[in-house]
Amino acid sequence: MDHLWTPWRMSYLRGDDPRPEGCIFCHKAESADDVAEQVLVRTGHVFVTLNRYPYNNGHLLIVPYAHVPDPGNLPVQALTDMGITITQALAVLRRAYGPDGFNVGANIGAAAGAGIADHFHIHVVPRWNGDTNYMTIISQTRMIPEWLEDTYKQLRAIWEELFPGTFSEKR
């Protein structure tokens, strides 16, 4: 039997991962510390953050500032901004990791698997040929070989290089 030591996940597995009161995405949106909240970029209507429990390296979340459960509740400007930001995220992830493909999508509602069903968001997950799918299956192991802090630094630098001056930020 192979063993992988991943102690940083224990608080998540126990359910005692410290979370702020209310919506985690609204907390990130209102935070003045993008580095601590792992917010890579902010635009007029959305922000990009790392998934704290990624399916693969570089798993990003594109989140509107508006706290709505469904994209049908967003103004057209926010939807447009999401589309542009997704395209930029793909370019950044291609430069950083050279994936063979991507999964881009949303789980709308708890029945569809949304972990945070009250605040719509889109997942951008890099994929590689032979990665055997990004969802762990019984008795298989998935390994993310990079600290999230390192992922943040690398992606932030590439975003600034590829798209300078295209976003606002809090520091």
C-alpha atoms as a PDB file:
ATOM      1  CA  MET A   1       0.000   0.000   0.000  1.00  0.00           C
ATOM      2  CA  ASP A   2       1.295   3.432  -0.934  1.00  0.00           C
ATOM      3  CA  HIS A   3       0.990   6.294   1.540  1.00  0.00           C
ATOM      4  CA  LEU A   4       0.968   9.977   0.773  1.00  0.00           C
ATOM      5  CA  TRP A   5       1.363  12.377   3.666  1.00  0.00           C
ATOM      6  CA  THR A   6      -1.017  15.345   3.274  1.00  0.00           C
ATOM      7  CA  PRO A   7      -1.540  16.790   6.758  1.00  0.00           C
ATOM      8  CA  TRP A   8      -2.809  20.143   5.447  1.00  0.00           C
ATOM      9  CA  ARG A   9      -6.057  18.409   4.396  1.00  0.00           C
ATOM     10  CA  MET A  10      -6.912  17.069   7.876  1.00  0.00           C
ATOM     11  CA  SER A  11      -8.869  20.132   8.994  1.00  0.00           C
ATOM     12  CA  TYR A  12     -10.942  19.846   5.804  1.00  0.00           C
ATOM     13  CA  LEU A  13     -11.579  16.123   6.360  1.00  0.00           C
ATOM     14  CA  ARG A  14     -12.609  16.728   9.974  1.00  0.00           C
ATOM     15  CA  GLY A  15     -14.843  19.596   8.991  1.00  0.00           C
ATOM     16  CA  ASP A  16     -13.036  22.003  11.307  1.00  0.00           C
ATOM     17  CA  ASP A  17     -11.438  24.051   8.543  1.00  0.00           C
ATOM     18  CA  PRO A  18     -11.653  27.635   9.791  1.00  0.00           C
ATOM     19  CA  ARG A  19     -14.163  29.539   7.696  1.00  0.00           C
ATOM     20  CA  PRO A  20     -15.457  33.037   8.152  1.00  0.00           C
ATOM     21  CA  GLU A  21     -19.068  33.649   9.082  1.00  0.00           C
ATOM     22  CA  GLY A  22     -21.327  33.852   6.055  1.00  0.00           C
ATOM     23  CA  CYS A  23     -20.290  33.330   2.466  1.00  0.00           C
ATOM     24  CA  ILE A  24     -16.624  32.473   1.849  1.00  0.00           C
ATOM     25  CA  PHE A  25     -16.742  34.170  -1.553  1.00  0.00           C
ATOM     26  CA  CYS A  26     -18.246  37.379  -0.166  1.00  0.00           C
ATOM     27  CA  HIS A  27     -15.537  37.316   2.510  1.00  0.00           C
ATOM     28  CA  LYS A  28     -12.847  37.036  -0.168  1.00  0.00           C
ATOM     29  CA  ALA A  29     -14.494  39.791  -2.233  1.00  0.00           C
ATOM     30  CA  GLU A  30     -14.498  42.168   0.743  1.00  0.00           C
ATOM     31  CA  SER A  31     -11.033  41.274   2.058  1.00  0.00           C
ATOM     32  CA  ALA A  32      -8.237  43.825   1.875  1.00  0.00           C
ATOM     33  CA  ASP A  33      -5.584  41.061   1.706  1.00  0.00           C
ATOM     34  CA  ASP A  34      -5.552  39.343  -1.682  1.00  0.00           C
ATOM     35  CA  VAL A  35      -2.467  37.287  -0.855  1.00  0.00           C
ATOM     36  CA  ALA A  36      -3.985  35.798   2.311  1.00  0.00           C
ATOM     37  CA  GLU A  37      -7.264  35.097   0.490  1.00  0.00           C
ATOM     38  CA  GLN A  38      -5.436  33.801  -2.609  1.00  0.00           C
ATOM     39  CA  VAL A  39      -7.276  36.206  -4.895  1.00  0.00           C
ATOM     40  CA  LEU A  40      -5.213  36.333  -8.088  1.00  0.00           C
ATOM     41  CA  VAL A  41      -7.017  39.084  -9.943  1.00  0.00           C
ATOM     42  CA  ARG A  42      -9.997  41.426  -9.598  1.00  0.00           C
ATOM     43  CA  THR A  43     -11.945  42.915 -12.479  1.00  0.00           C
ATOM     44  CA  GLY A  44     -14.981  45.154 -12.495  1.00  0.00           C
ATOM     45  CA  HIS A  45     -17.478  42.356 -11.832  1.00  0.00           C
ATOM     46  CA  VAL A  46     -15.529  39.209 -10.890  1.00  0.00           C
ATOM     47  CA  PHE A  47     -12.447  37.951  -9.119  1.00  0.00           C
ATOM     48  CA  VAL A  48     -10.269  34.874  -9.567  1.00  0.00           C
ATOM     49  CA  THR A  49      -9.190  32.777  -6.612  1.00  0.00           C
ATOM     50  CA  LEU A  50      -7.474  29.454  -6.064  1.00  0.00           C
ATOM     51  CA  ASN A  51      -9.562  26.490  -5.013  1.00  0.00           C
ATOM     52  CA  ARG A  52      -8.262  25.567  -1.537  1.00  0.00           C
ATOM     53  CA  TYR A  53      -8.967  21.888  -2.253  1.00  0.00           C
ATOM     54  CA  PRO A  54      -8.042  21.606  -5.939  1.00  0.00           C
ATOM     55  CA  TYR A  55      -8.851  18.740  -8.278  1.00  0.00           C
ATOM     56  CA  ASN A  56      -5.588  19.426 -10.157  1.00  0.00           C
ATOM     57  CA  ASN A  57      -2.728  21.924 -10.040  1.00  0.00           C
ATOM     58  CA  GLY A  58      -3.936  25.379 -11.025  1.00  0.00           C
ATOM     59  CA  HIS A  59      -7.640  24.784 -10.236  1.00  0.00           C
ATOM     60  CA  LEU A  60      -9.162  28.287 -10.320  1.00  0.00           C
ATOM     61  CA  LEU A  61     -12.547  29.722  -9.411  1.00  0.00           C
ATOM     62  CA  ILE A  62     -14.054  32.669 -11.296  1.00  0.00           C
ATOM     63  CA  VAL A  63     -16.465  34.370  -8.888  1.00  0.00           C
ATOM     64  CA  PRO A  64     -18.805  37.328  -9.428  1.00  0.00           C
ATOM     65  CA  TYR A  65     -18.957  39.924  -6.665  1.00  0.00           C
ATOM     66  CA  ALA A  66     -22.738  39.614  -6.732  1.00  0.00           C
ATOM     67  CA  HIS A  67     -23.979  37.023  -4.234  1.00  0.00           C
ATOM     68  CA  VAL A  68     -26.423  35.122  -6.451  1.00  0.00           C
ATOM     69  CA  PRO A  69     -27.067  31.369  -6.769  1.00  0.00           C
ATOM     70  CA  ASP A  70     -27.568  31.288 -10.543  1.00  0.00           C
ATOM     71  CA  PRO A  71     -25.963  33.017 -13.536  1.00  0.00           C
ATOM     72  CA  GLY A  72     -29.444  34.052 -14.658  1.00  0.00           C
ATOM     73  CA  ASN A  73     -29.402  36.536 -11.781  1.00  0.00           C
ATOM     74  CA  LEU A  74     -26.275  38.318 -13.037  1.00  0.00           C
ATOM     75  CA  PRO A  75     -26.267  41.443 -15.218  1.00  0.00           C
ATOM     76  CA  VAL A  76     -24.938  41.023 -18.755  1.00  0.00           C
ATOM     77  CA  GLN A  77     -21.829  43.043 -17.834  1.00  0.00           C
ATOM     78  CA  ALA A  78     -20.884  40.494 -15.158  1.00  0.00           C
ATOM     79  CA  LEU A  79     -21.479  37.581 -17.537  1.00  0.00           C
ATOM     80  CA  THR A  80     -19.310  39.260 -20.167  1.00  0.00           C
ATOM     81  CA  ASP A  81     -16.606  39.944 -17.597  1.00  0.00           C
ATOM     82  CA  MET A  82     -16.721  36.261 -16.533  1.00  0.00           C
ATOM     83  CA  GLY A  83     -16.251  35.134 -20.125  1.00  0.00           C
ATOM     84  CA  ILE A  84     -13.269  37.420 -20.690  1.00  0.00           C
ATOM     85  CA  THR A  85     -11.738  36.404 -17.375  1.00  0.00           C
ATOM     86  CA  ILE A  86     -12.162  32.692 -18.156  1.00  0.00           C
ATOM     87  CA  THR A  87     -10.296  33.238 -21.434  1.00  0.00           C
ATOM     88  CA  GLN A  88      -7.485  35.009 -19.590  1.00  0.00           C
ATOM     89  CA  ALA A  89      -7.357  32.231 -16.982  1.00  0.00           C
ATOM     90  CA  LEU A  90      -6.925  29.644 -19.745  1.00  0.00           C
ATOM     91  CA  ALA A  91      -3.998  31.611 -21.194  1.00  0.00           C
ATOM     92  CA  VAL A  92      -2.340  31.944 -17.780  1.00  0.00           C
ATOM     93  CA  LEU A  93      -2.760  28.252 -16.981  1.00  0.00           C
ATOM     94  CA  ARG A  94      -1.432  27.237 -20.413  1.00  0.00           C
ATOM     95  CA  ARG A  95       1.704  29.287 -19.777  1.00  0.00           C
ATOM     96  CA  ALA A  96       2.132  28.007 -16.218  1.00  0.00           C
ATOM     97  CA  TYR A  97       1.427  24.296 -16.618  1.00  0.00           C
ATOM     98  CA  GLY A  98       1.045  23.408 -20.303  1.00  0.00           C
ATOM     99  CA  PRO A  99      -2.112  21.323 -19.808  1.00  0.00           C
ATOM    100  CA  ASP A 100      -3.561  19.234 -22.635  1.00  0.00           C
ATOM    101  CA  GLY A 101      -7.076  20.513 -21.963  1.00  0.00           C
ATOM    102  CA  PHE A 102      -9.443  22.062 -19.433  1.00  0.00           C
ATOM    103  CA  ASN A 103     -12.710  21.459 -17.659  1.00  0.00           C
ATOM    104  CA  VAL A 104     -14.630  24.735 -17.383  1.00  0.00           C
ATOM    105  CA  GLY A 105     -17.983  24.639 -15.685  1.00  0.00           C
ATOM    106  CA  ALA A 106     -20.320  25.318 -12.820  1.00  0.00           C
ATOM    107  CA  ASN A 107     -22.347  23.217 -10.412  1.00  0.00           C
ATOM    108  CA  ILE A 108     -25.583  25.168 -10.014  1.00  0.00           C
ATOM    109  CA  GLY A 109     -27.440  24.087  -6.887  1.00  0.00           C
ATOM    110  CA  ALA A 110     -26.599  21.590  -4.163  1.00  0.00           C
ATOM    111  CA  ALA A 111     -28.228  18.760  -6.145  1.00  0.00           C
ATOM    112  CA  ALA A 112     -25.692  19.394  -8.929  1.00  0.00           C
ATOM    113  CA  GLY A 113     -22.779  19.151  -6.503  1.00  0.00           C
ATOM    114  CA  ALA A 114     -22.244  22.812  -5.629  1.00  0.00           C
ATOM    115  CA  GLY A 115     -20.313  23.000  -2.367  1.00  0.00           C
ATOM    116  CA  ILE A 116     -21.199  26.695  -2.095  1.00  0.00           C
ATOM    117  CA  ALA A 117     -24.612  26.733  -3.737  1.00  0.00           C
ATOM    118  CA  ASP A 118     -25.675  30.253  -2.718  1.00  0.00           C
ATOM    119  CA  HIS A 119     -22.860  32.051  -4.602  1.00  0.00           C
ATOM    120  CA  PHE A 120     -22.498  31.137  -8.274  1.00  0.00           C
ATOM    121  CA  HIS A 121     -18.941  30.493  -9.480  1.00  0.00           C
ATOM    122  CA  ILE A 122     -17.145  28.784 -12.354  1.00  0.00           C
ATOM    123  CA  HIS A 123     -14.392  26.191 -12.020  1.00  0.00           C
ATOM    124  CA  VAL A 124     -11.418  26.203 -14.408  1.00  0.00           C
ATOM    125  CA  VAL A 125      -9.480  22.940 -14.034  1.00  0.00           C
ATOM    126  CA  PRO A 126      -6.362  22.129 -16.080  1.00  0.00           C
ATOM    127  CA  ARG A 127      -6.259  18.558 -17.445  1.00  0.00           C
ATOM    128  CA  TRP A 128      -3.524  16.347 -18.844  1.00  0.00           C
ATOM    129  CA  ASN A 129      -3.681  13.309 -21.084  1.00  0.00           C
ATOM    130  CA  GLY A 130      -3.525  10.266 -18.852  1.00  0.00           C
ATOM    131  CA  ASP A 131      -4.518  12.061 -15.650  1.00  0.00           C
ATOM    132  CA  THR A 132      -7.252   9.385 -15.323  1.00  0.00           C
ATOM    133  CA  ASN A 133      -9.926  11.981 -14.640  1.00  0.00           C
ATOM    134  CA  TYR A 134      -9.727  14.673 -12.007  1.00  0.00           C
ATOM    135  CA  MET A 135     -12.215  13.161  -9.562  1.00  0.00           C
ATOM    136  CA  THR A 136     -10.817  10.675  -7.072  1.00  0.00           C
ATOM    137  CA  ILE A 137     -12.353   7.225  -7.284  1.00  0.00           C
ATOM    138  CA  ILE A 138     -12.418   4.685  -4.449  1.00  0.00           C
ATOM    139  CA  SER A 139      -8.930   3.306  -3.715  1.00  0.00           C
ATOM    140  CA  GLN A 140      -7.211   5.639  -6.175  1.00  0.00           C
ATOM    141  CA  THR A 141      -5.038   8.539  -5.147  1.00  0.00           C
ATOM    142  CA  ARG A 142      -4.801  12.036  -6.511  1.00  0.00           C
ATOM    143  CA  MET A 143      -1.741  14.095  -5.692  1.00  0.00           C
ATOM    144  CA  ILE A 144      -1.236  17.837  -6.049  1.00  0.00           C
ATOM    145  CA  PRO A 145       2.558  18.305  -6.006  1.00  0.00           C
ATOM    146  CA  GLU A 146       2.639  22.030  -5.334  1.00  0.00           C
ATOM    147  CA  TRP A 147       1.919  24.260  -2.338  1.00  0.00           C
ATOM    148  CA  LEU A 148      -0.998  26.635  -2.959  1.00  0.00           C
ATOM    149  CA  GLU A 149       1.220  29.579  -2.012  1.00  0.00           C
ATOM    150  CA  ASP A 150       3.615  28.633  -4.832  1.00  0.00           C
ATOM    151  CA  THR A 151       0.704  28.218  -7.249  1.00  0.00           C
ATOM    152  CA  TYR A 152      -0.549  31.685  -6.270  1.00  0.00           C
ATOM    153  CA  LYS A 153       2.829  33.384  -6.792  1.00  0.00           C
ATOM    154  CA  GLN A 154       3.416  31.751 -10.157  1.00  0.00           C
ATOM    155  CA  LEU A 155      -0.061  32.417 -11.567  1.00  0.00           C
ATOM    156  CA  ARG A 156      -0.162  35.986 -10.261  1.00  0.00           C
ATOM    157  CA  ALA A 157       3.149  36.808 -11.948  1.00  0.00           C
ATOM    158  CA  ILE A 158       2.053  35.277 -15.248  1.00  0.00           C
ATOM    159  CA  TRP A 159      -1.319  37.085 -15.120  1.00  0.00           C
ATOM    160  CA  GLU A 160       0.437  40.410 -14.578  1.00  0.00           C
ATOM    161  CA  GLU A 161       2.807  39.633 -17.458  1.00  0.00           C
ATOM    162  CA  LEU A 162       0.126  38.569 -19.942  1.00  0.00           C
ATOM    163  CA  PHE A 163      -2.586  41.064 -18.979  1.00  0.00           C
ATOM    164  CA  PRO A 164      -0.925  44.135 -17.410  1.00  0.00           C
ATOM    165  CA  GLY A 165      -3.229  46.875 -16.235  1.00  0.00           C
ATOM    166  CA  THR A 166      -6.399  44.916 -16.940  1.00  0.00           C
ATOM    167  CA  PHE A 167      -7.531  44.507 -13.361  1.00  0.00           C
ATOM    168  CA  SER A 168      -7.941  46.255 -10.080  1.00  0.00           C
ATOM    169  CA  GLU A 169      -6.799  44.776  -6.813  1.00  0.00           C
ATOM    170  CA  LYS A 170      -6.723  45.066  -3.069  1.00  0.00           C
ATOM    171  CA  ARG A 171      -3.418  44.601  -1.256  1.00  0.00           C
END
